[in-house]
């Protein structure tokens, strides 16, 4: 593991491409791993700094179009997304 200094961390943050697709990929991985253990729901926290409102907007409709029930809780600088498939 590399020990980044603050300047290196800022450079990584500035060049970040984390958005809609990366968030959906992370959600689908969580769904799959939890479903394999018999769970029927996941809860994920998503920072608004990392994923803007514009990037977040297509996420709920995509999940709902695949049959998931989705609840979003707005918590200031974070969103909590609860996804169930029971």
PDB file of N, CA and C in Angstrom:
ATOM      1  N   UNK A   1       0.844  -1.178   0.000  1.00  0.00           N
ATOM      2  CA  UNK A   1       0.000   0.000   0.000  1.00  0.00           C
ATOM      3  C   UNK A   1       0.883   1.233   0.000  1.00  0.00           C
ATOM      4  N   UNK A   2       0.569   2.164  -0.899  1.00  0.00           N
ATOM      5  CA  UNK A   2       1.330   3.393  -1.006  1.00  0.00           C
ATOM      6  C   UNK A   2       0.841   4.391   0.025  1.00  0.00           C
ATOM      7  N   UNK A   3       1.777   5.071   0.648  1.00  0.00           N
ATOM      8  CA  UNK A   3       1.426   6.126   1.606  1.00  0.00           C
ATOM      9  C   UNK A   3       1.436   7.452   0.861  1.00  0.00           C
ATOM     10  N   UNK A   4       0.251   7.903   0.482  1.00  0.00           N
ATOM     11  CA  UNK A   4       0.115   9.138  -0.276  1.00  0.00           C
ATOM     12  C   UNK A   4       0.307  10.354   0.607  1.00  0.00           C
ATOM     13  N   UNK A   5       0.928  11.391   0.058  1.00  0.00           N
ATOM     14  CA  UNK A   5       0.914  12.661   0.771  1.00  0.00           C
ATOM     15  C   UNK A   5      -0.320  13.432   0.312  1.00  0.00           C
ATOM     16  N   UNK A   6      -0.600  14.569   0.940  1.00  0.00           N
ATOM     17  CA  UNK A   6      -1.823  15.317   0.651  1.00  0.00           C
ATOM     18  C   UNK A   6      -1.872  15.783  -0.798  1.00  0.00           C
ATOM     19  N   UNK A   7      -0.739  16.200  -1.352  1.00  0.00           N
ATOM     20  CA  UNK A   7      -0.719  16.663  -2.742  1.00  0.00           C
ATOM     21  C   UNK A   7      -1.091  15.533  -3.700  1.00  0.00           C
ATOM     22  N   UNK A   8      -0.578  14.341  -3.457  1.00  0.00           N
ATOM     23  CA  UNK A   8      -0.905  13.185  -4.294  1.00  0.00           C
ATOM     24  C   UNK A   8      -2.388  12.818  -4.166  1.00  0.00           C
ATOM     25  N   UNK A   9      -2.920  12.902  -2.955  1.00  0.00           N
ATOM     26  CA  UNK A   9      -4.334  12.604  -2.738  1.00  0.00           C
ATOM     27  C   UNK A   9      -5.215  13.620  -3.467  1.00  0.00           C
ATOM     28  N   UNK A  10      -4.836  14.907  -3.437  1.00  0.00           N
ATOM     29  CA  UNK A  10      -5.599  15.936  -4.151  1.00  0.00           C
ATOM     30  C   UNK A  10      -5.583  15.665  -5.649  1.00  0.00           C
ATOM     31  N   UNK A  11      -4.440  15.272  -6.178  1.00  0.00           N
ATOM     32  CA  UNK A  11      -4.333  14.989  -7.611  1.00  0.00           C
ATOM     33  C   UNK A  11      -5.245  13.820  -7.997  1.00  0.00           C
ATOM     34  N   UNK A  12      -5.280  12.791  -7.162  1.00  0.00           N
ATOM     35  CA  UNK A  12      -6.166  11.657  -7.435  1.00  0.00           C
ATOM     36  C   UNK A  12      -7.632  12.088  -7.392  1.00  0.00           C
ATOM     37  N   UNK A  13      -7.970  12.904  -6.408  1.00  0.00           N
ATOM     38  CA  UNK A  13      -9.349  13.378  -6.289  1.00  0.00           C
ATOM     39  C   UNK A  13      -9.749  14.200  -7.504  1.00  0.00           C
ATOM     40  N   UNK A  14      -8.851  15.043  -7.971  1.00  0.00           N
ATOM     41  CA  UNK A  14      -9.145  15.910  -9.108  1.00  0.00           C
ATOM     42  C   UNK A  14      -9.340  15.114 -10.393  1.00  0.00           C
ATOM     43  N   UNK A  15      -8.680  13.976 -10.508  1.00  0.00           N
ATOM     44  CA  UNK A  15      -8.774  13.189 -11.733  1.00  0.00           C
ATOM     45  C   UNK A  15      -9.741  12.013 -11.611  1.00  0.00           C
ATOM     46  N   UNK A  16     -10.523  11.990 -10.541  1.00  0.00           N
ATOM     47  CA  UNK A  16     -11.453  10.884 -10.310  1.00  0.00           C
ATOM     48  C   UNK A  16     -12.506  10.801 -11.406  1.00  0.00           C
ATOM     49  N   UNK A  17     -12.803   9.587 -11.821  1.00  0.00           N
ATOM     50  CA  UNK A  17     -13.858   9.354 -12.807  1.00  0.00           C
ATOM     51  C   UNK A  17     -14.979   8.516 -12.206  1.00  0.00           C
ATOM     52  N   UNK A  18     -15.078   8.515 -10.887  1.00  0.00           N
ATOM     53  CA  UNK A  18     -16.112   7.738 -10.209  1.00  0.00           C
ATOM     54  C   UNK A  18     -17.452   8.429 -10.419  1.00  0.00           C
ATOM     55  N   UNK A  19     -18.400   7.734 -11.013  1.00  0.00           N
ATOM     56  CA  UNK A  19     -19.703   8.325 -11.294  1.00  0.00           C
ATOM     57  C   UNK A  19     -20.791   7.280 -11.337  1.00  0.00           C
ATOM     58  N   UNK A  20     -21.730   7.461 -12.239  1.00  0.00           N
ATOM     59  CA  UNK A  20     -22.909   6.598 -12.329  1.00  0.00           C
ATOM     60  C   UNK A  20     -22.549   5.133 -12.538  1.00  0.00           C
ATOM     61  N   UNK A  21     -21.757   4.845 -13.558  1.00  0.00           N
ATOM     62  CA  UNK A  21     -21.432   3.443 -13.883  1.00  0.00           C
ATOM     63  C   UNK A  21     -20.667   2.767 -12.755  1.00  0.00           C
ATOM     64  N   UNK A  22     -19.706   3.473 -12.176  1.00  0.00           N
ATOM     65  CA  UNK A  22     -18.925   2.884 -11.086  1.00  0.00           C
ATOM     66  C   UNK A  22     -19.798   2.634  -9.864  1.00  0.00           C
ATOM     67  N   UNK A  23     -20.709   3.562  -9.597  1.00  0.00           N
ATOM     68  CA  UNK A  23     -21.628   3.386  -8.464  1.00  0.00           C
ATOM     69  C   UNK A  23     -22.543   2.194  -8.691  1.00  0.00           C
ATOM     70  N   UNK A  24     -23.100   2.085  -9.898  1.00  0.00           N
ATOM     71  CA  UNK A  24     -23.953   0.934 -10.218  1.00  0.00           C
ATOM     72  C   UNK A  24     -23.177  -0.374 -10.129  1.00  0.00           C
ATOM     73  N   UNK A  25     -21.958  -0.394 -10.632  1.00  0.00           N
ATOM     74  CA  UNK A  25     -21.141  -1.611 -10.535  1.00  0.00           C
ATOM     75  C   UNK A  25     -20.932  -2.014  -9.083  1.00  0.00           C
ATOM     76  N   UNK A  26     -20.653  -1.039  -8.233  1.00  0.00           N
ATOM     77  CA  UNK A  26     -20.467  -1.320  -6.807  1.00  0.00           C
ATOM     78  C   UNK A  26     -21.759  -1.854  -6.183  1.00  0.00           C
ATOM     79  N   UNK A  27     -22.882  -1.264  -6.543  1.00  0.00           N
ATOM     80  CA  UNK A  27     -24.180  -1.707  -6.025  1.00  0.00           C
ATOM     81  C   UNK A  27     -24.472  -3.138  -6.474  1.00  0.00           C
ATOM     82  N   UNK A  28     -24.271  -3.419  -7.760  1.00  0.00           N
ATOM     83  CA  UNK A  28     -24.545  -4.766  -8.263  1.00  0.00           C
ATOM     84  C   UNK A  28     -23.639  -5.815  -7.611  1.00  0.00           C
ATOM     85  N   UNK A  29     -22.394  -5.469  -7.355  1.00  0.00           N
ATOM     86  CA  UNK A  29     -21.490  -6.399  -6.661  1.00  0.00           C
ATOM     87  C   UNK A  29     -21.991  -6.674  -5.253  1.00  0.00           C
ATOM     88  N   UNK A  30     -22.452  -5.620  -4.570  1.00  0.00           N
ATOM     89  CA  UNK A  30     -22.988  -5.795  -3.215  1.00  0.00           C
ATOM     90  C   UNK A  30     -24.253  -6.640  -3.227  1.00  0.00           C
ATOM     91  N   UNK A  31     -25.117  -6.389  -4.214  1.00  0.00           N
ATOM     92  CA  UNK A  31     -26.341  -7.184  -4.328  1.00  0.00           C
ATOM     93  C   UNK A  31     -25.981  -8.651  -4.513  1.00  0.00           C
ATOM     94  N   UNK A  32     -25.080  -8.932  -5.434  1.00  0.00           N
ATOM     95  CA  UNK A  32     -24.707 -10.318  -5.707  1.00  0.00           C
ATOM     96  C   UNK A  32     -24.101 -11.001  -4.477  1.00  0.00           C
ATOM     97  N   UNK A  33     -23.159 -10.334  -3.824  1.00  0.00           N
ATOM     98  CA  UNK A  33     -22.518 -10.980  -2.676  1.00  0.00           C
ATOM     99  C   UNK A  33     -23.486 -11.179  -1.521  1.00  0.00           C
ATOM    100  N   UNK A  34     -24.401 -10.239  -1.322  1.00  0.00           N
ATOM    101  CA  UNK A  34     -25.383 -10.404  -0.242  1.00  0.00           C
ATOM    102  C   UNK A  34     -26.444 -11.428  -0.592  1.00  0.00           C
ATOM    103  N   UNK A  35     -26.876 -11.464  -1.847  1.00  0.00           N
ATOM    104  CA  UNK A  35     -27.870 -12.453  -2.267  1.00  0.00           C
ATOM    105  C   UNK A  35     -27.324 -13.869  -2.095  1.00  0.00           C
ATOM    106  N   UNK A  36     -26.037 -14.045  -2.353  1.00  0.00           N
ATOM    107  CA  UNK A  36     -25.420 -15.370  -2.199  1.00  0.00           C
ATOM    108  C   UNK A  36     -25.429 -15.847  -0.756  1.00  0.00           C
ATOM    109  N   UNK A  37     -25.550 -14.919   0.190  1.00  0.00           N
ATOM    110  CA  UNK A  37     -25.590 -15.303   1.604  1.00  0.00           C
ATOM    111  C   UNK A  37     -27.020 -15.392   2.125  1.00  0.00           C
ATOM    112  N   UNK A  38     -28.000 -15.243   1.208  1.00  0.00           N
ATOM    113  CA  UNK A  38     -29.392 -15.377   1.598  1.00  0.00           C
ATOM    114  C   UNK A  38     -30.068 -14.077   1.990  1.00  0.00           C
ATOM    115  N   UNK A  39     -29.355 -12.969   1.932  1.00  0.00           N
ATOM    116  CA  UNK A  39     -29.960 -11.683   2.290  1.00  0.00           C
ATOM    117  C   UNK A  39     -30.832 -11.188   1.151  1.00  0.00           C
ATOM    118  N   UNK A  40     -31.790 -10.329   1.477  1.00  0.00           N
ATOM    119  CA  UNK A  40     -32.712  -9.805   0.468  1.00  0.00           C
ATOM    120  C   UNK A  40     -32.712  -8.276   0.431  1.00  0.00           C
ATOM    121  N   UNK A  41     -31.688  -7.673   1.034  1.00  0.00           N
ATOM    122  CA  UNK A  41     -31.642  -6.209   1.083  1.00  0.00           C
ATOM    123  C   UNK A  41     -30.213  -5.768   1.331  1.00  0.00           C
ATOM    124  N   UNK A  42     -29.832  -4.630   0.734  1.00  0.00           N
ATOM    125  CA  UNK A  42     -28.555  -4.005   1.067  1.00  0.00           C
ATOM    126  C   UNK A  42     -28.796  -2.534   1.381  1.00  0.00           C
ATOM    127  N   UNK A  43     -27.894  -1.970   2.147  1.00  0.00           N
ATOM    128  CA  UNK A  43     -27.905  -0.546   2.458  1.00  0.00           C
ATOM    129  C   UNK A  43     -26.514  -0.019   2.150  1.00  0.00           C
ATOM    130  N   UNK A  44     -26.459   1.025   1.328  1.00  0.00           N
ATOM    131  CA  UNK A  44     -25.171   1.617   0.955  1.00  0.00           C
ATOM    132  C   UNK A  44     -25.210   3.116   1.201  1.00  0.00           C
ATOM    133  N   UNK A  45     -24.113   3.632   1.730  1.00  0.00           N
ATOM    134  CA  UNK A  45     -23.938   5.072   1.877  1.00  0.00           C
ATOM    135  C   UNK A  45     -23.164   5.596   0.680  1.00  0.00           C
ATOM    136  N   UNK A  46     -23.635   6.693   0.111  1.00  0.00           N
ATOM    137  CA  UNK A  46     -22.986   7.283  -1.056  1.00  0.00           C
ATOM    138  C   UNK A  46     -22.754   8.766  -0.778  1.00  0.00           C
ATOM    139  N   UNK A  47     -21.502   9.165  -0.799  1.00  0.00           N
ATOM    140  CA  UNK A  47     -21.141  10.557  -0.553  1.00  0.00           C
ATOM    141  C   UNK A  47     -21.566  11.436  -1.721  1.00  0.00           C
ATOM    142  N   UNK A  48     -22.174  12.574  -1.418  1.00  0.00           N
ATOM    143  CA  UNK A  48     -22.568  13.513  -2.468  1.00  0.00           C
ATOM    144  C   UNK A  48     -21.341  14.178  -3.091  1.00  0.00           C
ATOM    145  N   UNK A  49     -20.257  14.210  -2.367  1.00  0.00           N
ATOM    146  CA  UNK A  49     -19.017  14.757  -2.916  1.00  0.00           C
ATOM    147  C   UNK A  49     -18.465  13.836  -4.000  1.00  0.00           C
ATOM    148  N   UNK A  50     -18.624  12.537  -3.805  1.00  0.00           N
ATOM    149  CA  UNK A  50     -18.122  11.560  -4.770  1.00  0.00           C
ATOM    150  C   UNK A  50     -19.049  11.370  -5.958  1.00  0.00           C
ATOM    151  N   UNK A  51     -20.349  11.386  -5.704  1.00  0.00           N
ATOM    152  CA  UNK A  51     -21.346  11.149  -6.755  1.00  0.00           C
ATOM    153  C   UNK A  51     -22.346  12.308  -6.715  1.00  0.00           C
ATOM    154  N   UNK A  52     -22.276  13.157  -7.718  1.00  0.00           N
ATOM    155  CA  UNK A  52     -23.131  14.350  -7.766  1.00  0.00           C
ATOM    156  C   UNK A  52     -24.595  13.975  -7.957  1.00  0.00           C
ATOM    157  N   UNK A  53     -25.473  14.954  -7.773  1.00  0.00           N
ATOM    158  CA  UNK A  53     -26.908  14.730  -8.005  1.00  0.00           C
ATOM    159  C   UNK A  53     -27.149  14.265  -9.432  1.00  0.00           C
ATOM    160  N   UNK A  54     -26.462  14.879 -10.379  1.00  0.00           N
ATOM    161  CA  UNK A  54     -26.615  14.521 -11.797  1.00  0.00           C
ATOM    162  C   UNK A  54     -26.174  13.080 -12.056  1.00  0.00           C
ATOM    163  N   UNK A  55     -25.073  12.670 -11.431  1.00  0.00           N
ATOM    164  CA  UNK A  55     -24.583  11.298 -11.606  1.00  0.00           C
ATOM    165  C   UNK A  55     -25.470  10.290 -10.889  1.00  0.00           C
ATOM    166  N   UNK A  56     -26.084  10.710  -9.794  1.00  0.00           N
ATOM    167  CA  UNK A  56     -26.931   9.815  -9.005  1.00  0.00           C
ATOM    168  C   UNK A  56     -28.307   9.618  -9.644  1.00  0.00           C
ATOM    169  N   UNK A  57     -28.793  10.624 -10.359  1.00  0.00           N
ATOM    170  CA  UNK A  57     -30.163  10.623 -10.894  1.00  0.00           C
ATOM    171  C   UNK A  57     -30.555   9.346 -11.643  1.00  0.00           C
ATOM    172  N   UNK A  58     -29.714   8.776 -12.513  1.00  0.00           N
ATOM    173  CA  UNK A  58     -30.145   7.580 -13.252  1.00  0.00           C
ATOM    174  C   UNK A  58     -30.093   6.275 -12.454  1.00  0.00           C
ATOM    175  N   UNK A  59     -29.511   6.301 -11.279  1.00  0.00           N
ATOM    176  CA  UNK A  59     -29.287   5.062 -10.534  1.00  0.00           C
ATOM    177  C   UNK A  59     -30.601   4.427 -10.070  1.00  0.00           C
ATOM    178  N   UNK A  60     -31.463   5.199  -9.431  1.00  0.00           N
ATOM    179  CA  UNK A  60     -32.715   4.644  -8.911  1.00  0.00           C
ATOM    180  C   UNK A  60     -33.592   4.110 -10.044  1.00  0.00           C
ATOM    181  N   UNK A  61     -33.816   4.876 -11.125  1.00  0.00           N
ATOM    182  CA  UNK A  61     -34.645   4.319 -12.209  1.00  0.00           C
ATOM    183  C   UNK A  61     -34.079   3.033 -12.806  1.00  0.00           C
ATOM    184  N   UNK A  62     -32.761   2.937 -12.931  1.00  0.00           N
ATOM    185  CA  UNK A  62     -32.192   1.702 -13.473  1.00  0.00           C
ATOM    186  C   UNK A  62     -32.470   0.522 -12.558  1.00  0.00           C
ATOM    187  N   UNK A  63     -32.244   0.708 -11.262  1.00  0.00           N
ATOM    188  CA  UNK A  63     -32.485  -0.389 -10.319  1.00  0.00           C
ATOM    189  C   UNK A  63     -33.961  -0.791 -10.304  1.00  0.00           C
ATOM    190  N   UNK A  64     -34.845   0.213 -10.308  1.00  0.00           N
ATOM    191  CA  UNK A  64     -36.280  -0.082 -10.302  1.00  0.00           C
ATOM    192  C   UNK A  64     -36.701  -0.789 -11.592  1.00  0.00           C
ATOM    193  N   UNK A  65     -36.070  -0.446 -12.705  1.00  0.00           N
ATOM    194  CA  UNK A  65     -36.413  -1.109 -13.966  1.00  0.00           C
ATOM    195  C   UNK A  65     -36.009  -2.574 -13.966  1.00  0.00           C
ATOM    196  N   UNK A  66     -35.104  -2.943 -13.082  1.00  0.00           N
ATOM    197  CA  UNK A  66     -34.673  -4.336 -12.951  1.00  0.00           C
ATOM    198  C   UNK A  66     -35.445  -5.064 -11.854  1.00  0.00           C
ATOM    199  N   UNK A  67     -36.464  -4.415 -11.292  1.00  0.00           N
ATOM    200  CA  UNK A  67     -37.336  -5.072 -10.331  1.00  0.00           C
ATOM    201  C   UNK A  67     -36.996  -4.851  -8.868  1.00  0.00           C
ATOM    202  N   UNK A  68     -35.996  -4.049  -8.577  1.00  0.00           N
ATOM    203  CA  UNK A  68     -35.622  -3.784  -7.186  1.00  0.00           C
ATOM    204  C   UNK A  68     -36.528  -2.714  -6.588  1.00  0.00           C
ATOM    205  N   UNK A  69     -36.739  -2.801  -5.277  1.00  0.00           N
ATOM    206  CA  UNK A  69     -37.396  -1.744  -4.525  1.00  0.00           C
ATOM    207  C   UNK A  69     -36.283  -0.873  -3.963  1.00  0.00           C
ATOM    208  N   UNK A  70     -36.401   0.441  -4.175  1.00  0.00           N
ATOM    209  CA  UNK A  70     -35.320   1.345  -3.809  1.00  0.00           C
ATOM    210  C   UNK A  70     -35.862   2.470  -2.943  1.00  0.00           C
ATOM    211  N   UNK A  71     -35.180   2.720  -1.843  1.00  0.00           N
ATOM    212  CA  UNK A  71     -35.495   3.850  -0.970  1.00  0.00           C
ATOM    213  C   UNK A  71     -34.219   4.659  -0.810  1.00  0.00           C
ATOM    214  N   UNK A  72     -34.340   5.977  -0.925  1.00  0.00           N
ATOM    215  CA  UNK A  72     -33.183   6.860  -0.779  1.00  0.00           C
ATOM    216  C   UNK A  72     -33.438   7.804   0.387  1.00  0.00           C
ATOM    217  N   UNK A  73     -32.480   7.851   1.299  1.00  0.00           N
ATOM    218  CA  UNK A  73     -32.551   8.776   2.427  1.00  0.00           C
ATOM    219  C   UNK A  73     -31.475   9.840   2.226  1.00  0.00           C
ATOM    220  N   UNK A  74     -31.887  11.100   2.177  1.00  0.00           N
ATOM    221  CA  UNK A  74     -30.942  12.202   2.014  1.00  0.00           C
ATOM    222  C   UNK A  74     -30.477  12.630   3.400  1.00  0.00           C
ATOM    223  N   UNK A  75     -29.184  12.559   3.616  1.00  0.00           N
ATOM    224  CA  UNK A  75     -28.648  12.846   4.945  1.00  0.00           C
ATOM    225  C   UNK A  75     -27.554  13.911   4.874  1.00  0.00           C
ATOM    226  N   UNK A  76     -27.891  15.049   4.321  1.00  0.00           N
ATOM    227  CA  UNK A  76     -26.924  16.139   4.224  1.00  0.00           C
ATOM    228  C   UNK A  76     -25.883  15.876   3.159  1.00  0.00           C
ATOM    229  N   UNK A  77     -24.680  15.528   3.573  1.00  0.00           N
ATOM    230  CA  UNK A  77     -23.592  15.309   2.624  1.00  0.00           C
ATOM    231  C   UNK A  77     -23.553  13.875   2.083  1.00  0.00           C
ATOM    232  N   UNK A  78     -24.481  13.049   2.543  1.00  0.00           N
ATOM    233  CA  UNK A  78     -24.538  11.645   2.115  1.00  0.00           C
ATOM    234  C   UNK A  78     -25.958  11.253   1.728  1.00  0.00           C
ATOM    235  N   UNK A  79     -26.010  10.228   0.919  1.00  0.00           N
ATOM    236  CA  UNK A  79     -27.286   9.562   0.632  1.00  0.00           C
ATOM    237  C   UNK A  79     -27.147   8.130   1.128  1.00  0.00           C
ATOM    238  N   UNK A  80     -28.203   7.625   1.695  1.00  0.00           N
ATOM    239  CA  UNK A  80     -28.247   6.208   2.011  1.00  0.00           C
ATOM    240  C   UNK A  80     -29.270   5.598   1.079  1.00  0.00           C
ATOM    241  N   UNK A  81     -28.855   4.556   0.373  1.00  0.00           N
ATOM    242  CA  UNK A  81     -29.746   3.894  -0.585  1.00  0.00           C
ATOM    243  C   UNK A  81     -30.004   2.487  -0.069  1.00  0.00           C
ATOM    244  N   UNK A  82     -31.276   2.161   0.059  1.00  0.00           N
ATOM    245  CA  UNK A  82     -31.698   0.843   0.549  1.00  0.00           C
ATOM    246  C   UNK A  82     -32.344   0.124  -0.627  1.00  0.00           C
ATOM    247  N   UNK A  83     -31.785  -1.020  -0.977  1.00  0.00           N
ATOM    248  CA  UNK A  83     -32.237  -1.761  -2.147  1.00  0.00           C
ATOM    249  C   UNK A  83     -32.676  -3.142  -1.681  1.00  0.00           C
ATOM    250  N   UNK A  84     -33.899  -3.517  -2.044  1.00  0.00           N
ATOM    251  CA  UNK A  84     -34.386  -4.847  -1.641  1.00  0.00           C
ATOM    252  C   UNK A  84     -34.944  -5.582  -2.847  1.00  0.00           C
ATOM    253  N   UNK A  85     -34.946  -6.900  -2.722  1.00  0.00           N
ATOM    254  CA  UNK A  85     -35.435  -7.770  -3.803  1.00  0.00           C
ATOM    255  C   UNK A  85     -36.252  -8.918  -3.261  1.00  0.00           C
ATOM    256  N   UNK A  86     -36.848  -8.723  -2.093  1.00  0.00           N
ATOM    257  CA  UNK A  86     -37.663  -9.771  -1.483  1.00  0.00           C
ATOM    258  C   UNK A  86     -39.048  -9.806  -2.083  1.00  0.00           C
TER     259      UNK A  86
END
